[in-house]
């Protein structure tokens, strides 16, 4: 058995514990936690997926993250993924959750945000070429070919919140 995840229903309630590869193959919704990283100036971290990645190799993304483990909260998974992928220990704050249609299969996407105040140490197996970009630079990148499709959907939903809503959710942590 590979990576175990919780198969969930249309209301994000647990139905069963399944192998993630099987959930993807059968189109069963499961949970994914993502993190948007900002620096002290409000810039957003963008990275390329490694060329050897099984999903979206070489494409750009503005979120880090991965599957939520069995019995794990979205917030705990986001913090774990942040540490694994960037070497940053922090408590990302929840921003929004939605059922993402997914380019590969459907899943509940829990989006979090964190202000990174320490140097990043990307794991090359997960993150290639991280760059800090402004919001306008990110908006330009999202529209280009070679950007992870699911990340576009999350970007649109995140943008619909507006800066003041995100600032409130973040407790005024860092500039927007």
N, C-alpha and C. Protein backbone atom coordinates (compact mmCIF):
# COMPACT_ATOMS: atom_id res chain seq x y z
N UNK A 1 0.83 -1.18 0.00
CA UNK A 1 0.00 0.00 0.00
C UNK A 1 0.87 1.25 0.00
N UNK A 2 0.44 2.25 -0.73
CA UNK A 2 1.17 3.51 -0.81
C UNK A 2 0.74 4.48 0.27
N UNK A 3 0.61 5.73 -0.12
CA UNK A 3 0.22 6.81 0.79
C UNK A 3 -1.27 6.70 1.12
N UNK A 4 -1.60 6.59 2.40
CA UNK A 4 -2.99 6.50 2.82
C UNK A 4 -3.59 7.89 3.03
N UNK A 5 -4.82 8.06 2.57
CA UNK A 5 -5.55 9.31 2.73
C UNK A 5 -6.98 8.98 3.12
N UNK A 6 -7.69 10.00 3.57
CA UNK A 6 -9.10 9.82 3.87
C UNK A 6 -9.92 10.18 2.64
N UNK A 7 -10.67 9.22 2.16
CA UNK A 7 -11.64 9.50 1.09
C UNK A 7 -12.78 10.26 1.75
N UNK A 8 -13.21 11.36 1.12
CA UNK A 8 -14.25 12.20 1.71
C UNK A 8 -15.39 12.40 0.71
N UNK A 9 -16.50 12.87 1.23
CA UNK A 9 -17.67 13.10 0.37
C UNK A 9 -17.75 14.56 -0.05
N UNK A 10 -18.87 14.96 -0.62
CA UNK A 10 -19.08 16.31 -1.11
C UNK A 10 -19.16 17.37 -0.03
N UNK A 11 -19.26 16.95 1.23
CA UNK A 11 -19.25 17.89 2.35
C UNK A 11 -17.95 17.77 3.17
N UNK A 12 -16.96 17.08 2.62
CA UNK A 12 -15.66 16.89 3.26
C UNK A 12 -15.76 16.04 4.54
N UNK A 13 -16.68 15.08 4.53
CA UNK A 13 -16.80 14.13 5.64
C UNK A 13 -16.11 12.84 5.25
N UNK A 14 -15.40 12.23 6.20
CA UNK A 14 -14.64 11.01 5.93
C UNK A 14 -15.58 9.85 5.62
N UNK A 15 -15.27 9.15 4.52
CA UNK A 15 -16.02 7.98 4.08
C UNK A 15 -15.23 6.71 4.35
N UNK A 16 -13.92 6.77 4.07
CA UNK A 16 -13.06 5.59 4.21
C UNK A 16 -11.60 6.02 4.16
N UNK A 17 -10.71 5.11 4.56
CA UNK A 17 -9.28 5.29 4.40
C UNK A 17 -8.88 4.48 3.17
N UNK A 18 -8.20 5.15 2.23
CA UNK A 18 -7.84 4.50 0.96
C UNK A 18 -6.41 4.87 0.56
N UNK A 19 -5.90 4.16 -0.39
CA UNK A 19 -4.60 4.49 -0.98
C UNK A 19 -4.80 5.71 -1.88
N UNK A 20 -3.92 6.70 -1.78
CA UNK A 20 -4.08 7.93 -2.56
C UNK A 20 -4.08 7.65 -4.06
N UNK A 21 -3.22 6.75 -4.52
CA UNK A 21 -3.18 6.44 -5.95
C UNK A 21 -4.52 5.88 -6.41
N UNK A 22 -5.16 5.06 -5.57
CA UNK A 22 -6.47 4.52 -5.92
C UNK A 22 -7.52 5.63 -5.94
N UNK A 23 -7.45 6.55 -4.95
CA UNK A 23 -8.39 7.68 -4.91
C UNK A 23 -8.28 8.50 -6.19
N UNK A 24 -7.07 8.74 -6.64
CA UNK A 24 -6.86 9.50 -7.87
C UNK A 24 -7.38 8.72 -9.07
N UNK A 25 -7.03 7.45 -9.14
CA UNK A 25 -7.44 6.60 -10.26
C UNK A 25 -8.97 6.51 -10.37
N UNK A 26 -9.65 6.42 -9.24
CA UNK A 26 -11.11 6.26 -9.24
C UNK A 26 -11.87 7.58 -9.14
N UNK A 27 -11.14 8.69 -8.99
CA UNK A 27 -11.80 9.99 -8.91
C UNK A 27 -12.50 10.23 -7.59
N UNK A 28 -11.99 9.61 -6.51
CA UNK A 28 -12.57 9.79 -5.19
C UNK A 28 -11.99 11.04 -4.54
N UNK A 29 -12.82 11.93 -4.06
CA UNK A 29 -12.28 13.11 -3.37
C UNK A 29 -11.51 12.73 -2.11
N UNK A 30 -10.43 13.44 -1.89
CA UNK A 30 -9.62 13.30 -0.68
C UNK A 30 -9.19 14.72 -0.30
N UNK A 31 -8.27 14.87 0.63
CA UNK A 31 -7.89 16.20 1.12
C UNK A 31 -6.45 16.55 0.76
N UNK A 32 -6.26 17.82 0.40
CA UNK A 32 -4.93 18.35 0.11
C UNK A 32 -4.78 19.68 0.84
N UNK A 33 -3.65 19.87 1.50
CA UNK A 33 -3.35 21.13 2.19
C UNK A 33 -2.30 21.87 1.39
N UNK A 34 -2.54 23.17 1.17
CA UNK A 34 -1.58 23.99 0.43
C UNK A 34 -1.22 25.23 1.24
N UNK A 35 -0.08 25.80 0.91
CA UNK A 35 0.42 26.99 1.61
C UNK A 35 0.87 28.01 0.60
N UNK A 36 0.46 29.26 0.81
CA UNK A 36 0.96 30.40 0.06
C UNK A 36 1.97 31.07 0.99
N UNK A 37 3.19 31.24 0.53
CA UNK A 37 4.24 31.86 1.34
C UNK A 37 4.47 33.30 0.89
N UNK A 38 4.46 34.20 1.84
CA UNK A 38 4.80 35.61 1.59
C UNK A 38 6.05 35.94 2.38
N UNK A 39 6.82 36.90 1.88
CA UNK A 39 7.96 37.38 2.65
C UNK A 39 7.54 38.65 3.39
N UNK A 40 8.45 39.26 4.11
CA UNK A 40 8.15 40.45 4.90
C UNK A 40 7.70 41.64 4.08
N UNK A 41 7.97 41.62 2.77
CA UNK A 41 7.56 42.71 1.88
C UNK A 41 6.23 42.42 1.19
N UNK A 42 5.64 41.26 1.49
CA UNK A 42 4.37 40.90 0.87
C UNK A 42 4.49 40.14 -0.43
N UNK A 43 5.73 39.90 -0.89
CA UNK A 43 5.91 39.13 -2.12
C UNK A 43 5.52 37.67 -1.89
N UNK A 44 5.20 36.99 -2.96
CA UNK A 44 4.73 35.60 -2.90
C UNK A 44 5.77 34.69 -3.53
N UNK A 45 5.97 33.54 -2.89
CA UNK A 45 6.92 32.56 -3.40
C UNK A 45 6.28 31.76 -4.53
N UNK A 46 6.96 31.72 -5.66
CA UNK A 46 6.57 30.91 -6.81
C UNK A 46 7.71 29.94 -7.07
N UNK A 47 7.37 28.74 -7.48
CA UNK A 47 8.42 27.75 -7.78
C UNK A 47 8.02 26.91 -8.98
N UNK A 48 9.00 26.21 -9.50
CA UNK A 48 8.75 25.24 -10.57
C UNK A 48 8.68 23.87 -9.92
N UNK A 49 7.83 23.04 -10.45
CA UNK A 49 7.80 21.64 -10.03
C UNK A 49 9.03 20.98 -10.65
N UNK A 50 9.70 20.10 -9.93
CA UNK A 50 10.88 19.43 -10.50
C UNK A 50 10.51 18.66 -11.78
N UNK A 51 11.46 18.56 -12.69
CA UNK A 51 11.22 17.88 -13.97
C UNK A 51 10.86 16.41 -13.78
N UNK A 52 11.29 15.81 -12.70
CA UNK A 52 11.01 14.39 -12.45
C UNK A 52 9.72 14.16 -11.66
N UNK A 53 9.00 15.22 -11.31
CA UNK A 53 7.77 15.09 -10.52
C UNK A 53 6.73 14.28 -11.29
N UNK A 54 5.98 13.46 -10.57
CA UNK A 54 4.95 12.64 -11.22
C UNK A 54 3.75 13.46 -11.68
N UNK A 55 3.51 14.60 -11.01
CA UNK A 55 2.39 15.46 -11.38
C UNK A 55 2.91 16.84 -11.78
N UNK A 56 2.54 17.28 -12.95
CA UNK A 56 2.86 18.62 -13.46
C UNK A 56 4.36 18.93 -13.48
N UNK A 57 5.19 18.03 -14.02
CA UNK A 57 6.63 18.27 -14.04
C UNK A 57 7.00 19.56 -14.78
N UNK A 58 7.90 20.34 -14.17
CA UNK A 58 8.41 21.55 -14.78
C UNK A 58 7.45 22.73 -14.79
N UNK A 59 6.24 22.57 -14.29
CA UNK A 59 5.28 23.66 -14.32
C UNK A 59 5.43 24.56 -13.08
N UNK A 60 4.97 25.79 -13.23
CA UNK A 60 5.02 26.76 -12.15
C UNK A 60 3.84 26.59 -11.19
N UNK A 61 4.08 26.91 -9.92
CA UNK A 61 3.04 26.89 -8.91
C UNK A 61 3.30 28.00 -7.90
N UNK A 62 2.27 28.50 -7.29
CA UNK A 62 2.40 29.54 -6.26
C UNK A 62 2.07 28.99 -4.88
N UNK A 63 1.75 27.67 -4.84
CA UNK A 63 1.43 27.02 -3.57
C UNK A 63 2.36 25.83 -3.37
N UNK A 64 2.65 25.55 -2.13
CA UNK A 64 3.33 24.32 -1.74
C UNK A 64 2.26 23.43 -1.13
N UNK A 65 2.53 22.16 -0.96
CA UNK A 65 1.57 21.34 -0.25
C UNK A 65 1.53 19.91 -0.70
N UNK A 66 0.54 19.21 -0.16
CA UNK A 66 0.38 17.79 -0.46
C UNK A 66 -0.81 17.22 0.27
N UNK A 67 -0.93 15.91 0.18
CA UNK A 67 -2.08 15.21 0.75
C UNK A 67 -2.11 15.34 2.27
N UNK A 68 -3.32 15.45 2.78
CA UNK A 68 -3.55 15.43 4.23
C UNK A 68 -3.56 13.96 4.65
N UNK A 69 -2.77 13.62 5.65
CA UNK A 69 -2.70 12.25 6.12
C UNK A 69 -3.93 11.83 6.91
N UNK A 70 -4.06 10.55 7.13
CA UNK A 70 -5.18 10.00 7.89
C UNK A 70 -5.14 10.56 9.31
N UNK A 71 -6.25 11.13 9.75
CA UNK A 71 -6.35 11.69 11.09
C UNK A 71 -5.66 13.04 11.27
N UNK A 72 -5.10 13.58 10.21
CA UNK A 72 -4.36 14.85 10.26
C UNK A 72 -5.29 16.00 9.86
N UNK A 73 -5.15 17.14 10.52
CA UNK A 73 -5.94 18.32 10.15
C UNK A 73 -5.28 19.00 8.94
N UNK A 74 -6.06 19.84 8.27
CA UNK A 74 -5.50 20.63 7.17
C UNK A 74 -4.32 21.47 7.67
N UNK A 75 -4.50 22.10 8.84
CA UNK A 75 -3.45 22.99 9.37
C UNK A 75 -2.18 22.22 9.69
N UNK A 76 -2.31 21.04 10.31
CA UNK A 76 -1.13 20.23 10.62
C UNK A 76 -0.44 19.77 9.34
N UNK A 77 -1.21 19.38 8.35
CA UNK A 77 -0.63 18.96 7.07
C UNK A 77 0.09 20.11 6.40
N UNK A 78 -0.48 21.31 6.45
CA UNK A 78 0.16 22.49 5.85
C UNK A 78 1.50 22.77 6.53
N UNK A 79 1.54 22.72 7.85
CA UNK A 79 2.79 22.95 8.58
C UNK A 79 3.82 21.88 8.24
N UNK A 80 3.40 20.63 8.16
CA UNK A 80 4.30 19.52 7.82
C UNK A 80 4.87 19.72 6.42
N UNK A 81 4.01 20.03 5.47
CA UNK A 81 4.46 20.23 4.09
C UNK A 81 5.42 21.41 3.97
N UNK A 82 5.15 22.48 4.70
CA UNK A 82 6.02 23.65 4.70
C UNK A 82 7.42 23.28 5.19
N UNK A 83 7.49 22.49 6.24
CA UNK A 83 8.78 22.04 6.78
C UNK A 83 9.48 21.09 5.79
N UNK A 84 8.73 20.16 5.21
CA UNK A 84 9.32 19.20 4.28
C UNK A 84 9.81 19.86 3.00
N UNK A 85 9.04 20.77 2.45
CA UNK A 85 9.36 21.32 1.14
C UNK A 85 10.26 22.54 1.16
N UNK A 86 10.17 23.35 2.23
CA UNK A 86 10.98 24.58 2.30
C UNK A 86 11.92 24.63 3.50
N UNK A 87 11.81 23.67 4.41
CA UNK A 87 12.64 23.70 5.61
C UNK A 87 12.24 24.82 6.56
N UNK A 88 11.00 25.28 6.46
CA UNK A 88 10.51 26.38 7.30
C UNK A 88 9.55 25.82 8.35
N UNK A 89 9.82 26.15 9.59
CA UNK A 89 8.93 25.73 10.69
C UNK A 89 8.08 26.94 11.08
N UNK A 90 6.79 26.83 10.81
CA UNK A 90 5.84 27.92 11.11
C UNK A 90 4.44 27.32 11.16
N UNK A 91 3.51 28.11 11.64
CA UNK A 91 2.11 27.70 11.71
C UNK A 91 1.30 28.46 10.67
N UNK A 92 1.12 27.88 9.48
CA UNK A 92 0.33 28.55 8.46
C UNK A 92 -1.10 28.77 8.95
N UNK A 93 -1.68 29.88 8.53
CA UNK A 93 -3.06 30.20 8.91
C UNK A 93 -4.02 29.84 7.79
N UNK A 94 -5.13 29.23 8.18
CA UNK A 94 -6.16 28.82 7.24
C UNK A 94 -6.77 30.05 6.57
N UNK A 95 -6.99 29.96 5.25
CA UNK A 95 -7.62 31.05 4.50
C UNK A 95 -8.95 30.59 3.90
N UNK A 96 -8.95 29.46 3.18
CA UNK A 96 -10.19 28.98 2.56
C UNK A 96 -10.09 27.51 2.23
N UNK A 97 -11.24 26.91 1.96
CA UNK A 97 -11.32 25.51 1.56
C UNK A 97 -12.39 25.39 0.50
N UNK A 98 -12.13 24.57 -0.53
CA UNK A 98 -13.13 24.34 -1.57
C UNK A 98 -12.89 23.00 -2.23
N UNK A 99 -13.94 22.49 -2.86
CA UNK A 99 -13.83 21.24 -3.61
C UNK A 99 -13.28 21.59 -4.99
N UNK A 100 -12.04 21.22 -5.21
CA UNK A 100 -11.34 21.50 -6.47
C UNK A 100 -11.64 20.38 -7.46
N UNK A 101 -12.04 20.74 -8.66
CA UNK A 101 -12.33 19.71 -9.65
C UNK A 101 -11.08 18.91 -9.98
N UNK A 102 -9.94 19.54 -9.92
CA UNK A 102 -8.65 18.86 -10.09
C UNK A 102 -8.39 18.40 -11.52
N UNK A 103 -7.21 18.68 -12.01
CA UNK A 103 -6.82 18.26 -13.35
C UNK A 103 -6.60 16.75 -13.42
N UNK A 104 -6.28 16.15 -12.26
CA UNK A 104 -6.03 14.70 -12.21
C UNK A 104 -7.20 13.98 -11.54
N UNK A 105 -7.72 14.54 -10.46
CA UNK A 105 -8.89 13.99 -9.78
C UNK A 105 -9.41 15.05 -8.81
N UNK A 106 -10.65 14.92 -8.36
CA UNK A 106 -11.19 15.93 -7.43
C UNK A 106 -10.60 15.79 -6.03
N UNK A 107 -10.52 16.90 -5.32
CA UNK A 107 -10.05 16.89 -3.93
C UNK A 107 -10.48 18.16 -3.24
N UNK A 108 -10.57 18.07 -1.91
CA UNK A 108 -10.82 19.26 -1.10
C UNK A 108 -9.48 19.94 -0.89
N UNK A 109 -9.39 21.20 -1.28
CA UNK A 109 -8.15 21.96 -1.16
C UNK A 109 -8.29 22.94 0.00
N UNK A 110 -7.45 22.78 1.02
CA UNK A 110 -7.38 23.71 2.13
C UNK A 110 -6.19 24.64 1.89
N UNK A 111 -6.47 25.91 1.65
CA UNK A 111 -5.41 26.88 1.35
C UNK A 111 -5.06 27.66 2.61
N UNK A 112 -3.77 27.75 2.89
CA UNK A 112 -3.24 28.45 4.05
C UNK A 112 -2.24 29.49 3.58
N UNK A 113 -1.89 30.40 4.47
CA UNK A 113 -0.90 31.42 4.14
C UNK A 113 0.01 31.60 5.34
N UNK A 114 1.27 31.91 5.04
CA UNK A 114 2.25 32.14 6.09
C UNK A 114 3.22 33.23 5.63
N UNK A 115 3.67 34.04 6.57
CA UNK A 115 4.74 35.00 6.29
C UNK A 115 6.03 34.32 6.72
N UNK A 116 6.94 34.16 5.76
CA UNK A 116 8.22 33.49 6.00
C UNK A 116 9.26 34.53 6.40
N UNK A 117 9.81 34.38 7.59
CA UNK A 117 10.79 35.35 8.10
C UNK A 117 12.18 34.74 8.24
N UNK A 118 12.32 33.47 7.87
CA UNK A 118 13.61 32.79 7.94
C UNK A 118 14.03 32.36 6.53
N UNK A 119 15.30 32.08 6.33
CA UNK A 119 15.73 31.62 5.00
C UNK A 119 15.04 30.32 4.62
N UNK A 120 14.71 30.19 3.33
CA UNK A 120 14.11 28.95 2.85
C UNK A 120 15.22 28.00 2.39
N UNK A 121 14.98 26.71 2.62
CA UNK A 121 15.91 25.66 2.20
C UNK A 121 15.10 24.63 1.41
N UNK A 122 14.82 24.93 0.13
CA UNK A 122 13.94 24.06 -0.66
C UNK A 122 14.50 22.65 -0.81
N UNK A 123 13.63 21.68 -0.70
CA UNK A 123 13.96 20.29 -0.98
C UNK A 123 13.87 20.12 -2.50
N UNK A 124 14.99 19.87 -3.15
CA UNK A 124 15.05 19.80 -4.61
C UNK A 124 14.14 18.70 -5.18
N UNK A 125 13.76 17.73 -4.36
CA UNK A 125 12.85 16.68 -4.83
C UNK A 125 11.41 17.22 -4.94
N UNK A 126 11.16 18.35 -4.30
CA UNK A 126 9.80 18.91 -4.25
C UNK A 126 9.68 20.28 -4.92
N UNK A 127 10.74 21.09 -4.81
CA UNK A 127 10.69 22.49 -5.23
C UNK A 127 11.93 22.82 -6.05
N UNK A 128 11.72 23.32 -7.27
CA UNK A 128 12.85 23.76 -8.10
C UNK A 128 12.73 25.27 -8.32
N UNK A 129 13.84 25.95 -8.23
CA UNK A 129 13.89 27.38 -8.53
C UNK A 129 12.84 28.23 -7.87
N UNK A 130 12.85 28.39 -6.55
CA UNK A 130 11.88 29.29 -5.93
C UNK A 130 12.24 30.75 -6.21
N UNK A 131 11.20 31.57 -6.44
CA UNK A 131 11.36 32.99 -6.73
C UNK A 131 10.33 33.77 -5.91
N UNK A 132 10.71 34.95 -5.42
CA UNK A 132 9.76 35.83 -4.76
C UNK A 132 9.26 36.82 -5.79
N UNK A 133 7.93 36.91 -5.96
CA UNK A 133 7.34 37.79 -6.96
C UNK A 133 6.29 38.69 -6.33
N UNK A 134 6.03 39.81 -6.98
CA UNK A 134 4.97 40.71 -6.53
C UNK A 134 3.62 40.12 -6.95
N UNK A 135 2.55 40.68 -6.41
CA UNK A 135 1.22 40.20 -6.79
C UNK A 135 0.95 40.40 -8.27
N UNK A 136 1.41 41.51 -8.85
CA UNK A 136 1.18 41.74 -10.28
C UNK A 136 2.01 40.77 -11.12
N UNK A 137 3.22 40.46 -10.69
CA UNK A 137 4.03 39.46 -11.41
C UNK A 137 3.37 38.08 -11.34
N UNK A 138 2.80 37.76 -10.17
CA UNK A 138 2.10 36.48 -10.03
C UNK A 138 0.89 36.43 -10.96
N UNK A 139 0.13 37.51 -11.01
CA UNK A 139 -1.05 37.55 -11.88
C UNK A 139 -0.66 37.28 -13.33
N UNK A 140 0.48 37.79 -13.75
CA UNK A 140 0.96 37.55 -15.11
C UNK A 140 1.35 36.08 -15.30
N UNK A 141 2.05 35.51 -14.32
CA UNK A 141 2.48 34.11 -14.42
C UNK A 141 1.30 33.14 -14.46
N UNK A 142 0.29 33.40 -13.65
CA UNK A 142 -0.86 32.49 -13.56
C UNK A 142 -1.53 32.33 -14.92
N UNK A 143 -1.54 33.37 -15.72
CA UNK A 143 -2.18 33.33 -17.02
C UNK A 143 -1.37 32.64 -18.11
N UNK A 144 -0.15 32.32 -17.83
CA UNK A 144 0.72 31.71 -18.85
C UNK A 144 0.57 30.20 -18.91
N UNK A 145 0.91 29.66 -20.08
CA UNK A 145 0.97 28.22 -20.22
C UNK A 145 2.10 27.72 -19.33
N UNK A 146 1.98 26.53 -18.81
CA UNK A 146 3.02 26.00 -17.96
C UNK A 146 2.80 26.30 -16.49
N UNK A 147 1.60 26.77 -16.14
CA UNK A 147 1.25 27.00 -14.74
C UNK A 147 0.31 25.87 -14.33
N UNK A 148 0.52 25.28 -13.16
CA UNK A 148 -0.30 24.17 -12.70
C UNK A 148 -1.79 24.56 -12.76
N UNK A 149 -2.61 23.81 -13.50
CA UNK A 149 -4.02 24.19 -13.68
C UNK A 149 -4.79 24.36 -12.36
N UNK A 150 -4.62 23.46 -11.42
CA UNK A 150 -5.36 23.56 -10.16
C UNK A 150 -4.96 24.81 -9.39
N UNK A 151 -3.71 25.24 -9.56
CA UNK A 151 -3.23 26.46 -8.89
C UNK A 151 -3.94 27.69 -9.42
N UNK A 152 -4.35 27.65 -10.70
CA UNK A 152 -5.12 28.76 -11.27
C UNK A 152 -6.48 28.88 -10.58
N UNK A 153 -7.14 27.74 -10.39
CA UNK A 153 -8.45 27.76 -9.73
C UNK A 153 -8.32 28.30 -8.30
N UNK A 154 -7.31 27.87 -7.58
CA UNK A 154 -7.08 28.37 -6.22
C UNK A 154 -6.77 29.86 -6.24
N UNK A 155 -5.99 30.30 -7.22
CA UNK A 155 -5.64 31.71 -7.34
C UNK A 155 -6.90 32.56 -7.53
N UNK A 156 -7.80 32.11 -8.39
CA UNK A 156 -9.04 32.85 -8.63
C UNK A 156 -9.89 32.94 -7.36
N UNK A 157 -10.00 31.86 -6.63
CA UNK A 157 -10.79 31.87 -5.39
C UNK A 157 -10.13 32.74 -4.32
N UNK A 158 -8.82 32.64 -4.21
CA UNK A 158 -8.07 33.45 -3.25
C UNK A 158 -8.23 34.93 -3.58
N UNK A 159 -8.12 35.27 -4.85
CA UNK A 159 -8.25 36.66 -5.29
C UNK A 159 -9.63 37.23 -5.04
N UNK A 160 -10.64 36.36 -5.08
CA UNK A 160 -12.01 36.84 -4.86
C UNK A 160 -12.25 37.25 -3.41
N UNK A 161 -11.38 36.83 -2.50
CA UNK A 161 -11.50 37.25 -1.10
C UNK A 161 -11.18 38.72 -0.92
N UNK A 162 -10.26 39.21 -1.73
CA UNK A 162 -9.82 40.60 -1.59
C UNK A 162 -8.77 40.73 -0.50
N UNK A 163 -7.91 41.69 -0.64
CA UNK A 163 -6.80 41.89 0.29
C UNK A 163 -7.27 42.14 1.72
N UNK A 164 -8.35 42.89 1.91
CA UNK A 164 -8.79 43.19 3.27
C UNK A 164 -9.29 41.94 3.98
N UNK A 165 -9.98 41.05 3.26
CA UNK A 165 -10.45 39.80 3.85
C UNK A 165 -9.26 38.92 4.23
N UNK A 166 -8.29 38.80 3.34
CA UNK A 166 -7.11 37.99 3.63
C UNK A 166 -6.35 38.59 4.80
N UNK A 167 -6.21 39.91 4.83
CA UNK A 167 -5.51 40.58 5.94
C UNK A 167 -6.21 40.28 7.26
N UNK A 168 -7.56 40.32 7.26
CA UNK A 168 -8.31 40.02 8.48
C UNK A 168 -8.09 38.57 8.91
N UNK A 169 -8.14 37.66 7.94
CA UNK A 169 -7.93 36.25 8.27
C UNK A 169 -6.54 36.00 8.82
N UNK A 170 -5.58 36.79 8.37
CA UNK A 170 -4.21 36.61 8.81
C UNK A 170 -3.90 37.42 10.08
N UNK A 171 -4.86 38.11 10.59
CA UNK A 171 -4.62 38.91 11.80
C UNK A 171 -3.64 40.04 11.53
N UNK A 172 -3.72 40.64 10.33
CA UNK A 172 -2.84 41.75 9.93
C UNK A 172 -1.37 41.37 9.98
N UNK A 173 -1.06 40.10 9.75
CA UNK A 173 0.32 39.63 9.76
C UNK A 173 0.98 39.95 8.43
N UNK A 174 1.85 40.90 8.41
CA UNK A 174 2.59 41.25 7.20
C UNK A 174 1.77 42.10 6.23
N UNK A 175 2.46 42.79 5.32
CA UNK A 175 1.78 43.66 4.35
C UNK A 175 1.13 42.86 3.24
N UNK A 176 0.08 43.41 2.68
CA UNK A 176 -0.54 42.82 1.50
C UNK A 176 -0.60 43.86 0.40
